[in-house]
PDB file of N, CA and C in Angstrom:
ATOM      1  N   MET A   1       0.843  -1.183   0.000  1.00  0.00           N
ATOM      2  CA  MET A   1       0.000   0.000   0.000  1.00  0.00           C
ATOM      3  C   MET A   1       0.881   1.237   0.000  1.00  0.00           C
ATOM      4  N   HIS A   2       0.492   2.231  -0.801  1.00  0.00           N
ATOM      5  CA  HIS A   2       1.251   3.471  -0.900  1.00  0.00           C
ATOM      6  C   HIS A   2       0.746   4.466   0.133  1.00  0.00           C
ATOM      7  N   GLU A   3       1.697   5.101   0.788  1.00  0.00           N
ATOM      8  CA  GLU A   3       1.316   6.157   1.712  1.00  0.00           C
ATOM      9  C   GLU A   3       1.081   7.444   0.934  1.00  0.00           C
ATOM     10  N   VAL A   4       0.091   8.165   1.333  1.00  0.00           N
ATOM     11  CA  VAL A   4      -0.205   9.442   0.696  1.00  0.00           C
ATOM     12  C   VAL A   4       0.053  10.529   1.724  1.00  0.00           C
ATOM     13  N   THR A   5       0.891  11.467   1.349  1.00  0.00           N
ATOM     14  CA  THR A   5       1.194  12.574   2.253  1.00  0.00           C
ATOM     15  C   THR A   5       0.024  13.547   2.270  1.00  0.00           C
ATOM     16  N   ARG A   6       0.071  14.486   3.202  1.00  0.00           N
ATOM     17  CA  ARG A   6      -1.015  15.458   3.320  1.00  0.00           C
ATOM     18  C   ARG A   6      -1.188  16.279   2.054  1.00  0.00           C
ATOM     19  N   ASP A   7      -0.073  16.541   1.357  1.00  0.00           N
ATOM     20  CA  ASP A   7      -0.190  17.356   0.135  1.00  0.00           C
ATOM     21  C   ASP A   7      -0.496  16.504  -1.102  1.00  0.00           C
ATOM     22  N   GLY A   8      -0.634  15.182  -0.919  1.00  0.00           N
ATOM     23  CA  GLY A   8      -0.993  14.307  -2.031  1.00  0.00           C
ATOM     24  C   GLY A   8       0.152  13.999  -2.973  1.00  0.00           C
ATOM     25  N   SER A   9       1.407  14.259  -2.579  1.00  0.00           N
ATOM     26  CA  SER A   9       2.543  14.090  -3.486  1.00  0.00           C
ATOM     27  C   SER A   9       2.731  12.646  -3.946  1.00  0.00           C
ATOM     28  N   GLN A  10       2.496  11.676  -3.093  1.00  0.00           N
ATOM     29  CA  GLN A  10       2.637  10.275  -3.500  1.00  0.00           C
ATOM     30  C   GLN A  10       1.618   9.937  -4.586  1.00  0.00           C
ATOM     31  N   GLU A  11       0.385  10.365  -4.385  1.00  0.00           N
ATOM     32  CA  GLU A  11      -0.663  10.098  -5.362  1.00  0.00           C
ATOM     33  C   GLU A  11      -0.347  10.789  -6.681  1.00  0.00           C
ATOM     34  N   TRP A  12       0.099  12.032  -6.625  1.00  0.00           N
ATOM     35  CA  TRP A  12       0.433  12.776  -7.840  1.00  0.00           C
ATOM     36  C   TRP A  12       1.584  12.107  -8.561  1.00  0.00           C
ATOM     37  N   GLY A  13       2.598  11.657  -7.835  1.00  0.00           N
ATOM     38  CA  GLY A  13       3.743  10.982  -8.443  1.00  0.00           C
ATOM     39  C   GLY A  13       3.325   9.697  -9.132  1.00  0.00           C
ATOM     40  N   GLU A  14       2.446   8.957  -8.512  1.00  0.00           N
ATOM     41  CA  GLU A  14       1.951   7.706  -9.104  1.00  0.00           C
ATOM     42  C   GLU A  14       1.150   8.004 -10.374  1.00  0.00           C
ATOM     43  N   GLN A  15       0.319   9.028 -10.352  1.00  0.00           N
ATOM     44  CA  GLN A  15      -0.473   9.394 -11.529  1.00  0.00           C
ATOM     45  C   GLN A  15       0.436   9.836 -12.677  1.00  0.00           C
ATOM     46  N   ARG A  16       1.483  10.589 -12.341  1.00  0.00           N
ATOM     47  CA  ARG A  16       2.424  11.055 -13.362  1.00  0.00           C
ATOM     48  C   ARG A  16       3.150   9.874 -13.992  1.00  0.00           C
ATOM     49  N   LEU A  17       3.607   8.944 -13.161  1.00  0.00           N
ATOM     50  CA  LEU A  17       4.302   7.761 -13.681  1.00  0.00           C
ATOM     51  C   LEU A  17       3.378   6.894 -14.528  1.00  0.00           C
ATOM     52  N   LEU A  18       2.138   6.748 -14.100  1.00  0.00           N
ATOM     53  CA  LEU A  18       1.179   5.972 -14.870  1.00  0.00           C
ATOM     54  C   LEU A  18       0.919   6.630 -16.226  1.00  0.00           C
ATOM     55  N   ALA A  19       0.807   7.949 -16.253  1.00  0.00           N
ATOM     56  CA  ALA A  19       0.606   8.670 -17.514  1.00  0.00           C
ATOM     57  C   ALA A  19       1.807   8.464 -18.443  1.00  0.00           C
ATOM     58  N   GLU A  20       3.021   8.492 -17.893  1.00  0.00           N
ATOM     59  CA  GLU A  20       4.222   8.242 -18.691  1.00  0.00           C
ATOM     60  C   GLU A  20       4.237   6.819 -19.226  1.00  0.00           C
ATOM     61  N   LEU A  21       3.803   5.864 -18.403  1.00  0.00           N
ATOM     62  CA  LEU A  21       3.748   4.469 -18.814  1.00  0.00           C
ATOM     63  C   LEU A  21       2.736   4.269 -19.946  1.00  0.00           C
ATOM     64  N   VAL A  22       1.604   4.934 -19.855  1.00  0.00           N
ATOM     65  CA  VAL A  22       0.597   4.853 -20.919  1.00  0.00           C
ATOM     66  C   VAL A  22       1.178   5.422 -22.208  1.00  0.00           C
ATOM     67  N   GLU A  23       1.834   6.564 -22.145  1.00  0.00           N
ATOM     68  CA  GLU A  23       2.433   7.191 -23.319  1.00  0.00           C
ATOM     69  C   GLU A  23       3.501   6.283 -23.930  1.00  0.00           C
ATOM     70  N   LEU A  24       4.338   5.701 -23.096  1.00  0.00           N
ATOM     71  CA  LEU A  24       5.374   4.777 -23.572  1.00  0.00           C
ATOM     72  C   LEU A  24       4.760   3.556 -24.240  1.00  0.00           C
ATOM     73  N   SER A  25       3.676   3.053 -23.670  1.00  0.00           N
ATOM     74  CA  SER A  25       2.989   1.892 -24.252  1.00  0.00           C
ATOM     75  C   SER A  25       2.454   2.211 -25.641  1.00  0.00           C
ATOM     76  N   VAL A  26       1.893   3.391 -25.809  1.00  0.00           N
ATOM     77  CA  VAL A  26       1.373   3.795 -27.114  1.00  0.00           C
ATOM     78  C   VAL A  26       2.517   3.952 -28.111  1.00  0.00           C
ATOM     79  N   GLU A  27       3.602   4.575 -27.688  1.00  0.00           N
ATOM     80  CA  GLU A  27       4.740   4.822 -28.571  1.00  0.00           C
ATOM     81  C   GLU A  27       5.433   3.538 -29.019  1.00  0.00           C
ATOM     82  N   THR A  28       5.439   2.524 -28.192  1.00  0.00           N
ATOM     83  CA  THR A  28       6.173   1.298 -28.500  1.00  0.00           C
ATOM     84  C   THR A  28       5.265   0.129 -28.885  1.00  0.00           C
ATOM     85  N   ALA A  29       3.989   0.400 -29.063  1.00  0.00           N
ATOM     86  CA  ALA A  29       3.038  -0.666 -29.392  1.00  0.00           C
ATOM     87  C   ALA A  29       3.393  -1.295 -30.743  1.00  0.00           C
ATOM     88  N   PRO A  30       3.217  -2.604 -30.856  1.00  0.00           N
ATOM     89  CA  PRO A  30       3.477  -3.253 -32.141  1.00  0.00           C
ATOM     90  C   PRO A  30       2.410  -2.885 -33.160  1.00  0.00           C
ATOM     91  N   ARG A  31       2.768  -3.042 -34.417  1.00  0.00           N
ATOM     92  CA  ARG A  31       1.842  -2.768 -35.529  1.00  0.00           C
ATOM     93  C   ARG A  31       1.118  -4.066 -35.893  1.00  0.00           C
ATOM     94  N   ARG A  32      -0.201  -4.000 -35.987  1.00  0.00           N
ATOM     95  CA  ARG A  32      -0.992  -5.190 -36.278  1.00  0.00           C
ATOM     96  C   ARG A  32      -1.064  -5.446 -37.788  1.00  0.00           C
ATOM     97  N   PHE A  33      -1.112  -6.740 -38.132  1.00  0.00           N
ATOM     98  CA  PHE A  33      -1.298  -7.106 -39.529  1.00  0.00           C
ATOM     99  C   PHE A  33      -2.125  -8.382 -39.628  1.00  0.00           C
ATOM    100  N   ALA A  34      -2.658  -8.606 -40.817  1.00  0.00           N
ATOM    101  CA  ALA A  34      -3.378  -9.845 -41.118  1.00  0.00           C
ATOM    102  C   ALA A  34      -2.681 -10.514 -42.293  1.00  0.00           C
ATOM    103  N   LEU A  35      -2.876 -11.806 -42.394  1.00  0.00           N
ATOM    104  CA  LEU A  35      -2.378 -12.570 -43.532  1.00  0.00           C
ATOM    105  C   LEU A  35      -3.592 -13.104 -44.268  1.00  0.00           C
ATOM    106  N   GLY A  36      -3.732 -12.705 -45.520  1.00  0.00           N
ATOM    107  CA  GLY A  36      -4.909 -13.072 -46.303  1.00  0.00           C
ATOM    108  C   GLY A  36      -4.546 -13.989 -47.454  1.00  0.00           C
ATOM    109  N   LEU A  37      -5.368 -14.969 -47.676  1.00  0.00           N
ATOM    110  CA  LEU A  37      -5.194 -15.927 -48.762  1.00  0.00           C
ATOM    111  C   LEU A  37      -6.102 -15.529 -49.913  1.00  0.00           C
ATOM    112  N   LEU A  38      -5.531 -15.363 -51.111  1.00  0.00           N
ATOM    113  CA  LEU A  38      -6.312 -15.064 -52.304  1.00  0.00           C
ATOM    114  C   LEU A  38      -6.400 -16.312 -53.164  1.00  0.00           C
ATOM    115  N   ASP A  39      -7.591 -16.635 -53.615  1.00  0.00           N
ATOM    116  CA  ASP A  39      -7.802 -17.745 -54.537  1.00  0.00           C
ATOM    117  C   ASP A  39      -8.535 -17.186 -55.747  1.00  0.00           C
ATOM    118  N   ILE A  40      -7.761 -16.751 -56.741  1.00  0.00           N
ATOM    119  CA  ILE A  40      -8.319 -16.115 -57.931  1.00  0.00           C
ATOM    120  C   ILE A  40      -9.213 -17.088 -58.695  1.00  0.00           C
ATOM    121  N   ARG A  41      -8.797 -18.343 -58.777  1.00  0.00           N
ATOM    122  CA  ARG A  41      -9.589 -19.340 -59.516  1.00  0.00           C
ATOM    123  C   ARG A  41     -10.986 -19.517 -58.923  1.00  0.00           C
ATOM    124  N   GLN A  42     -11.079 -19.465 -57.607  1.00  0.00           N
ATOM    125  CA  GLN A  42     -12.372 -19.636 -56.924  1.00  0.00           C
ATOM    126  C   GLN A  42     -13.064 -18.303 -56.649  1.00  0.00           C
ATOM    127  N   ASP A  43     -12.409 -17.196 -57.057  1.00  0.00           N
ATOM    128  CA  ASP A  43     -12.938 -15.859 -56.794  1.00  0.00           C
ATOM    129  C   ASP A  43     -13.258 -15.699 -55.304  1.00  0.00           C
ATOM    130  N   ASP A  44     -12.255 -16.021 -54.476  1.00  0.00           N
ATOM    131  CA  ASP A  44     -12.477 -16.053 -53.031  1.00  0.00           C
ATOM    132  C   ASP A  44     -11.222 -15.594 -52.300  1.00  0.00           C
ATOM    133  N   GLY A  45     -11.401 -15.301 -51.045  1.00  0.00           N
ATOM    134  CA  GLY A  45     -10.291 -14.933 -50.175  1.00  0.00           C
ATOM    135  C   GLY A  45     -10.653 -15.217 -48.734  1.00  0.00           C
ATOM    136  N   ALA A  46      -9.633 -15.327 -47.906  1.00  0.00           N
ATOM    137  CA  ALA A  46      -9.867 -15.605 -46.485  1.00  0.00           C
ATOM    138  C   ALA A  46      -8.705 -15.083 -45.664  1.00  0.00           C
ATOM    139  N   VAL A  47      -9.008 -14.675 -44.447  1.00  0.00           N
ATOM    140  CA  VAL A  47      -7.957 -14.312 -43.499  1.00  0.00           C
ATOM    141  C   VAL A  47      -7.451 -15.612 -42.881  1.00  0.00           C
ATOM    142  N   VAL A  48      -6.149 -15.842 -42.993  1.00  0.00           N
ATOM    143  CA  VAL A  48      -5.584 -17.089 -42.468  1.00  0.00           C
ATOM    144  C   VAL A  48      -4.734 -16.873 -41.221  1.00  0.00           C
ATOM    145  N   GLY A  49      -4.503 -15.600 -40.861  1.00  0.00           N
ATOM    146  CA  GLY A  49      -3.713 -15.342 -39.661  1.00  0.00           C
ATOM    147  C   GLY A  49      -3.671 -13.868 -39.312  1.00  0.00           C
ATOM    148  N   TRP A  50      -3.222 -13.613 -38.106  1.00  0.00           N
ATOM    149  CA  TRP A  50      -3.083 -12.254 -37.589  1.00  0.00           C
ATOM    150  C   TRP A  50      -1.737 -12.154 -36.896  1.00  0.00           C
ATOM    151  N   GLY A  51      -1.173 -10.946 -36.888  1.00  0.00           N
ATOM    152  CA  GLY A  51       0.133 -10.827 -36.271  1.00  0.00           C
ATOM    153  C   GLY A  51       0.418  -9.467 -35.694  1.00  0.00           C
ATOM    154  N   LEU A  52       1.566  -9.415 -35.044  1.00  0.00           N
ATOM    155  CA  LEU A  52       2.095  -8.195 -34.451  1.00  0.00           C
ATOM    156  C   LEU A  52       3.519  -8.000 -34.944  1.00  0.00           C
ATOM    157  N   ASP A  53       3.808  -6.809 -35.449  1.00  0.00           N
ATOM    158  CA  ASP A  53       5.149  -6.469 -35.913  1.00  0.00           C
ATOM    159  C   ASP A  53       5.780  -5.535 -34.883  1.00  0.00           C
ATOM    160  N   PHE A  54       6.859  -5.992 -34.263  1.00  0.00           N
ATOM    161  CA  PHE A  54       7.523  -5.228 -33.211  1.00  0.00           C
ATOM    162  C   PHE A  54       8.668  -4.369 -33.741  1.00  0.00           C
ATOM    163  N   GLY A  55       8.866  -4.342 -35.047  1.00  0.00           N
ATOM    164  CA  GLY A  55       9.944  -3.552 -35.621  1.00  0.00           C
ATOM    165  C   GLY A  55      11.196  -4.380 -35.870  1.00  0.00           C
ATOM    166  N   ASN A  56      11.589  -5.183 -34.899  1.00  0.00           N
ATOM    167  CA  ASN A  56      12.769  -6.031 -35.058  1.00  0.00           C
ATOM    168  C   ASN A  56      12.410  -7.513 -35.133  1.00  0.00           C
ATOM    169  N   GLU A  57      11.139  -7.836 -35.006  1.00  0.00           N
ATOM    170  CA  GLU A  57      10.629  -9.188 -35.192  1.00  0.00           C
ATOM    171  C   GLU A  57       9.114  -9.126 -35.309  1.00  0.00           C
ATOM    172  N   ALA A  58       8.543 -10.208 -35.856  1.00  0.00           N
ATOM    173  CA  ALA A  58       7.095 -10.289 -36.009  1.00  0.00           C
ATOM    174  C   ALA A  58       6.630 -11.650 -35.523  1.00  0.00           C
ATOM    175  N   ILE A  59       5.432 -11.671 -34.961  1.00  0.00           N
ATOM    176  CA  ILE A  59       4.815 -12.914 -34.507  1.00  0.00           C
ATOM    177  C   ILE A  59       3.443 -12.998 -35.157  1.00  0.00           C
ATOM    178  N   ALA A  60       3.168 -14.138 -35.787  1.00  0.00           N
ATOM    179  CA  ALA A  60       1.868 -14.342 -36.437  1.00  0.00           C
ATOM    180  C   ALA A  60       1.182 -15.556 -35.838  1.00  0.00           C
ATOM    181  N   TYR A  61      -0.105 -15.437 -35.618  1.00  0.00           N
ATOM    182  CA  TYR A  61      -0.956 -16.514 -35.127  1.00  0.00           C
ATOM    183  C   TYR A  61      -1.752 -17.031 -36.316  1.00  0.00           C
ATOM    184  N   VAL A  62      -1.620 -18.320 -36.587  1.00  0.00           N
ATOM    185  CA  VAL A  62      -2.282 -18.917 -37.740  1.00  0.00           C
ATOM    186  C   VAL A  62      -3.073 -20.137 -37.280  1.00  0.00           C
ATOM    187  N   PRO A  63      -4.390 -20.000 -37.122  1.00  0.00           N
ATOM    188  CA  PRO A  63      -5.185 -21.173 -36.765  1.00  0.00           C
ATOM    189  C   PRO A  63      -5.204 -22.140 -37.956  1.00  0.00           C
ATOM    190  N   THR A  64      -5.079 -23.417 -37.681  1.00  0.00           N
ATOM    191  CA  THR A  64      -5.026 -24.408 -38.765  1.00  0.00           C
ATOM    192  C   THR A  64      -6.240 -25.318 -38.788  1.00  0.00           C
ATOM    193  N   GLY A  65      -7.236 -24.995 -38.014  1.00  0.00           N
ATOM    194  CA  GLY A  65      -8.458 -25.795 -37.997  1.00  0.00           C
ATOM    195  C   GLY A  65      -8.596 -26.561 -36.699  1.00  0.00           C
ATOM    196  N   GLY A  66      -9.829 -26.698 -36.249  1.00  0.00           N
ATOM    197  CA  GLY A  66     -10.065 -27.410 -34.993  1.00  0.00           C
ATOM    198  C   GLY A  66      -9.371 -26.722 -33.841  1.00  0.00           C
ATOM    199  N   SER A  67      -8.677 -27.495 -33.035  1.00  0.00           N
ATOM    200  CA  SER A  67      -7.981 -26.929 -31.880  1.00  0.00           C
ATOM    201  C   SER A  67      -6.508 -26.681 -32.179  1.00  0.00           C
ATOM    202  N   CYS A  68      -6.098 -26.828 -33.425  1.00  0.00           N
ATOM    203  CA  CYS A  68      -4.694 -26.634 -33.800  1.00  0.00           C
ATOM    204  C   CYS A  68      -4.425 -25.179 -34.177  1.00  0.00           C
ATOM    205  N   GLN A  69      -3.212 -24.751 -33.953  1.00  0.00           N
ATOM    206  CA  GLN A  69      -2.779 -23.430 -34.367  1.00  0.00           C
ATOM    207  C   GLN A  69      -1.268 -23.419 -34.483  1.00  0.00           C
ATOM    208  N   ARG A  70      -0.763 -22.422 -35.194  1.00  0.00           N
ATOM    209  CA  ARG A  70       0.671 -22.228 -35.341  1.00  0.00           C
ATOM    210  C   ARG A  70       1.012 -20.809 -34.924  1.00  0.00           C
ATOM    211  N   LEU A  71       2.142 -20.678 -34.282  1.00  0.00           N
ATOM    212  CA  LEU A  71       2.718 -19.361 -34.039  1.00  0.00           C
ATOM    213  C   LEU A  71       3.978 -19.276 -34.876  1.00  0.00           C
ATOM    214  N   ILE A  72       4.062 -18.238 -35.675  1.00  0.00           N
ATOM    215  CA  ILE A  72       5.232 -18.044 -36.523  1.00  0.00           C
ATOM    216  C   ILE A  72       6.004 -16.850 -35.991  1.00  0.00           C
ATOM    217  N   ARG A  73       7.264 -17.061 -35.731  1.00  0.00           N
ATOM    218  CA  ARG A  73       8.143 -15.974 -35.294  1.00  0.00           C
ATOM    219  C   ARG A  73       9.140 -15.743 -36.414  1.00  0.00           C
ATOM    220  N   ALA A  74       9.168 -14.516 -36.931  1.00  0.00           N
ATOM    221  CA  ALA A  74      10.023 -14.196 -38.064  1.00  0.00           C
ATOM    222  C   ALA A  74      10.666 -12.829 -37.874  1.00  0.00           C
ATOM    223  N   GLU A  75      11.628 -12.520 -38.730  1.00  0.00           N
ATOM    224  CA  GLU A  75      12.326 -11.232 -38.637  1.00  0.00           C
ATOM    225  C   GLU A  75      11.399 -10.069 -38.981  1.00  0.00           C
ATOM    226  N   THR A  76      10.485 -10.297 -39.931  1.00  0.00           N
ATOM    227  CA  THR A  76       9.557  -9.253 -40.367  1.00  0.00           C
ATOM    228  C   THR A  76       8.184  -9.864 -40.639  1.00  0.00           C
ATOM    229  N   ALA A  77       7.191  -9.004 -40.758  1.00  0.00           N
ATOM    230  CA  ALA A  77       5.851  -9.470 -41.110  1.00  0.00           C
ATOM    231  C   ALA A  77       5.860 -10.076 -42.513  1.00  0.00           C
ATOM    232  N   ASP A  78       6.617  -9.482 -43.420  1.00  0.00           N
ATOM    233  CA  ASP A  78       6.675 -10.031 -44.772  1.00  0.00           C
ATOM    234  C   ASP A  78       7.340 -11.406 -44.790  1.00  0.00           C
ATOM    235  N   ARG A  79       8.309 -11.617 -43.939  1.00  0.00           N
ATOM    236  CA  ARG A  79       8.933 -12.944 -43.853  1.00  0.00           C
ATOM    237  C   ARG A  79       7.925 -13.980 -43.349  1.00  0.00           C
ATOM    238  N   ALA A  80       7.080 -13.618 -42.404  1.00  0.00           N
ATOM    239  CA  ALA A  80       6.025 -14.521 -41.941  1.00  0.00           C
ATOM    240  C   ALA A  80       5.076 -14.831 -43.096  1.00  0.00           C
ATOM    241  N   ARG A  81       4.755 -13.823 -43.895  1.00  0.00           N
ATOM    242  CA  ARG A  81       3.898 -14.023 -45.068  1.00  0.00           C
ATOM    243  C   ARG A  81       4.544 -14.995 -46.044  1.00  0.00           C
ATOM    244  N   ARG A  82       5.834 -14.799 -46.305  1.00  0.00           N
ATOM    245  CA  ARG A  82       6.530 -15.673 -47.257  1.00  0.00           C
ATOM    246  C   ARG A  82       6.578 -17.116 -46.784  1.00  0.00           C
ATOM    247  N   LEU A  83       6.653 -17.325 -45.477  1.00  0.00           N
ATOM    248  CA  LEU A  83       6.641 -18.697 -44.966  1.00  0.00           C
ATOM    249  C   LEU A  83       5.325 -19.401 -45.283  1.00  0.00           C
ATOM    250  N   LEU A  84       4.228 -18.654 -45.264  1.00  0.00           N
ATOM    251  CA  LEU A  84       2.924 -19.230 -45.592  1.00  0.00           C
ATOM    252  C   LEU A  84       2.664 -19.257 -47.098  1.00  0.00           C
ATOM    253  N   ALA A  85       3.356 -18.417 -47.852  1.00  0.00           N
ATOM    254  CA  ALA A  85       3.073 -18.259 -49.280  1.00  0.00           C
ATOM    255  C   ALA A  85       3.798 -19.283 -50.148  1.00  0.00           C
ATOM    256  N   ARG A  86       4.412 -20.264 -49.562  1.00  0.00           N
ATOM    257  CA  ARG A  86       5.136 -21.259 -50.364  1.00  0.00           C
ATOM    258  C   ARG A  86       4.208 -22.037 -51.288  1.00  0.00           C
ATOM    259  N   ARG A  87       2.971 -22.249 -50.861  1.00  0.00           N
ATOM    260  CA  ARG A  87       2.021 -23.048 -51.651  1.00  0.00           C
ATOM    261  C   ARG A  87       0.757 -22.292 -52.024  1.00  0.00           C
ATOM    262  N   ALA A  88       0.660 -21.037 -51.658  1.00  0.00           N
ATOM    263  CA  ALA A  88      -0.570 -20.288 -51.932  1.00  0.00           C
ATOM    264  C   ALA A  88      -0.243 -18.801 -52.059  1.00  0.00           C
ATOM    265  N   ASP A  89      -1.201 -18.040 -52.559  1.00  0.00           N
ATOM    266  CA  ASP A  89      -1.048 -16.598 -52.710  1.00  0.00           C
ATOM    267  C   ASP A  89      -1.488 -15.916 -51.413  1.00  0.00           C
ATOM    268  N   VAL A  90      -0.531 -15.688 -50.532  1.00  0.00           N
ATOM    269  CA  VAL A  90      -0.814 -15.072 -49.238  1.00  0.00           C
ATOM    270  C   VAL A  90      -0.356 -13.622 -49.289  1.00  0.00           C
ATOM    271  N   ARG A  91      -1.221 -12.724 -48.846  1.00  0.00           N
ATOM    272  CA  ARG A  91      -0.935 -11.288 -48.872  1.00  0.00           C
ATOM    273  C   ARG A  91      -0.825 -10.738 -47.456  1.00  0.00           C
ATOM    274  N   LEU A  92       0.040  -9.747 -47.309  1.00  0.00           N
ATOM    275  CA  LEU A  92       0.224  -9.036 -46.043  1.00  0.00           C
ATOM    276  C   LEU A  92      -0.706  -7.827 -46.042  1.00  0.00           C
ATOM    277  N   ILE A  93      -1.544  -7.726 -45.025  1.00  0.00           N
ATOM    278  CA  ILE A  93      -2.511  -6.641 -44.912  1.00  0.00           C
ATOM    279  C   ILE A  93      -2.244  -5.891 -43.611  1.00  0.00           C
ATOM    280  N   TRP A  94      -1.812  -4.650 -43.722  1.00  0.00           N
ATOM    281  CA  TRP A  94      -1.532  -3.852 -42.531  1.00  0.00           C
ATOM    282  C   TRP A  94      -2.835  -3.314 -41.970  1.00  0.00           C
ATOM    283  N   LEU A  95      -3.073  -3.505 -40.688  1.00  0.00           N
ATOM    284  CA  LEU A  95      -4.286  -3.021 -40.025  1.00  0.00           C
ATOM    285  C   LEU A  95      -4.069  -1.673 -39.341  1.00  0.00           C
ATOM    286  N   ASP A  96      -2.811  -1.354 -39.075  1.00  0.00           N
ATOM    287  CA  ASP A  96      -2.461  -0.088 -38.434  1.00  0.00           C
ATOM    288  C   ASP A  96      -1.550   0.712 -39.369  1.00  0.00           C
ATOM    289  N   ALA A  97      -1.648   2.016 -39.285  1.00  0.00           N
ATOM    290  CA  ALA A  97      -0.753   2.882 -40.047  1.00  0.00           C
ATOM    291  C   ALA A  97       0.662   2.754 -39.481  1.00  0.00           C
ATOM    292  N   PRO A  98       1.670   3.001 -40.309  1.00  0.00           N
ATOM    293  CA  PRO A  98       3.038   2.954 -39.790  1.00  0.00           C
ATOM    294  C   PRO A  98       3.227   3.975 -38.669  1.00  0.00           C
ATOM    295  N   VAL A  99       4.040   3.602 -37.695  1.00  0.00           N
ATOM    296  CA  VAL A  99       4.318   4.472 -36.554  1.00  0.00           C
ATOM    297  C   VAL A  99       5.762   4.929 -36.654  1.00  0.00           C
ATOM    298  N   SER A 100       5.973   6.230 -36.534  1.00  0.00           N
ATOM    299  CA  SER A 100       7.332   6.757 -36.543  1.00  0.00           C
ATOM    300  C   SER A 100       7.974   6.458 -35.205  1.00  0.00           C
ATOM    301  N   ARG A 101       9.108   5.798 -35.199  1.00  0.00           N
ATOM    302  CA  ARG A 101       9.818   5.445 -33.972  1.00  0.00           C
ATOM    303  C   ARG A 101      10.896   6.467 -33.615  1.00  0.00           C
ATOM    304  N   GLU A 102      10.993   7.528 -34.416  1.00  0.00           N
ATOM    305  CA  GLU A 102      12.018   8.548 -34.180  1.00  0.00           C
ATOM    306  C   GLU A 102      11.528   9.554 -33.141  1.00  0.00           C
ATOM    307  N   PRO A 103      12.461  10.081 -32.313  1.00  0.00           N
ATOM    308  CA  PRO A 103      12.063  11.070 -31.291  1.00  0.00           C
ATOM    309  C   PRO A 103      11.597  12.369 -31.864  1.00  0.00           C
TER     310      PRO A 103
END
């Protein structure tokens, strides 16, 4: 339990730190993407996975049916796409706008 002084300085300090933590979380949040399968012959498409791009690595979740799933860890979101695109036309779909990581 945090002690709160009469002037509320402990509470104010905690609120300030929490606000900084929220700002840092927004600034460093990963960029979301989807992996979509195109089937031109069948005039169809489907989302086959979702992922997070952390800038220096990407993780994709790919359900494979039933209770099975795959987690793909790759250097980039496009590399995760290429791993799935060996036998099909898989496209990378960005769900979030690019985030500038520069100060």
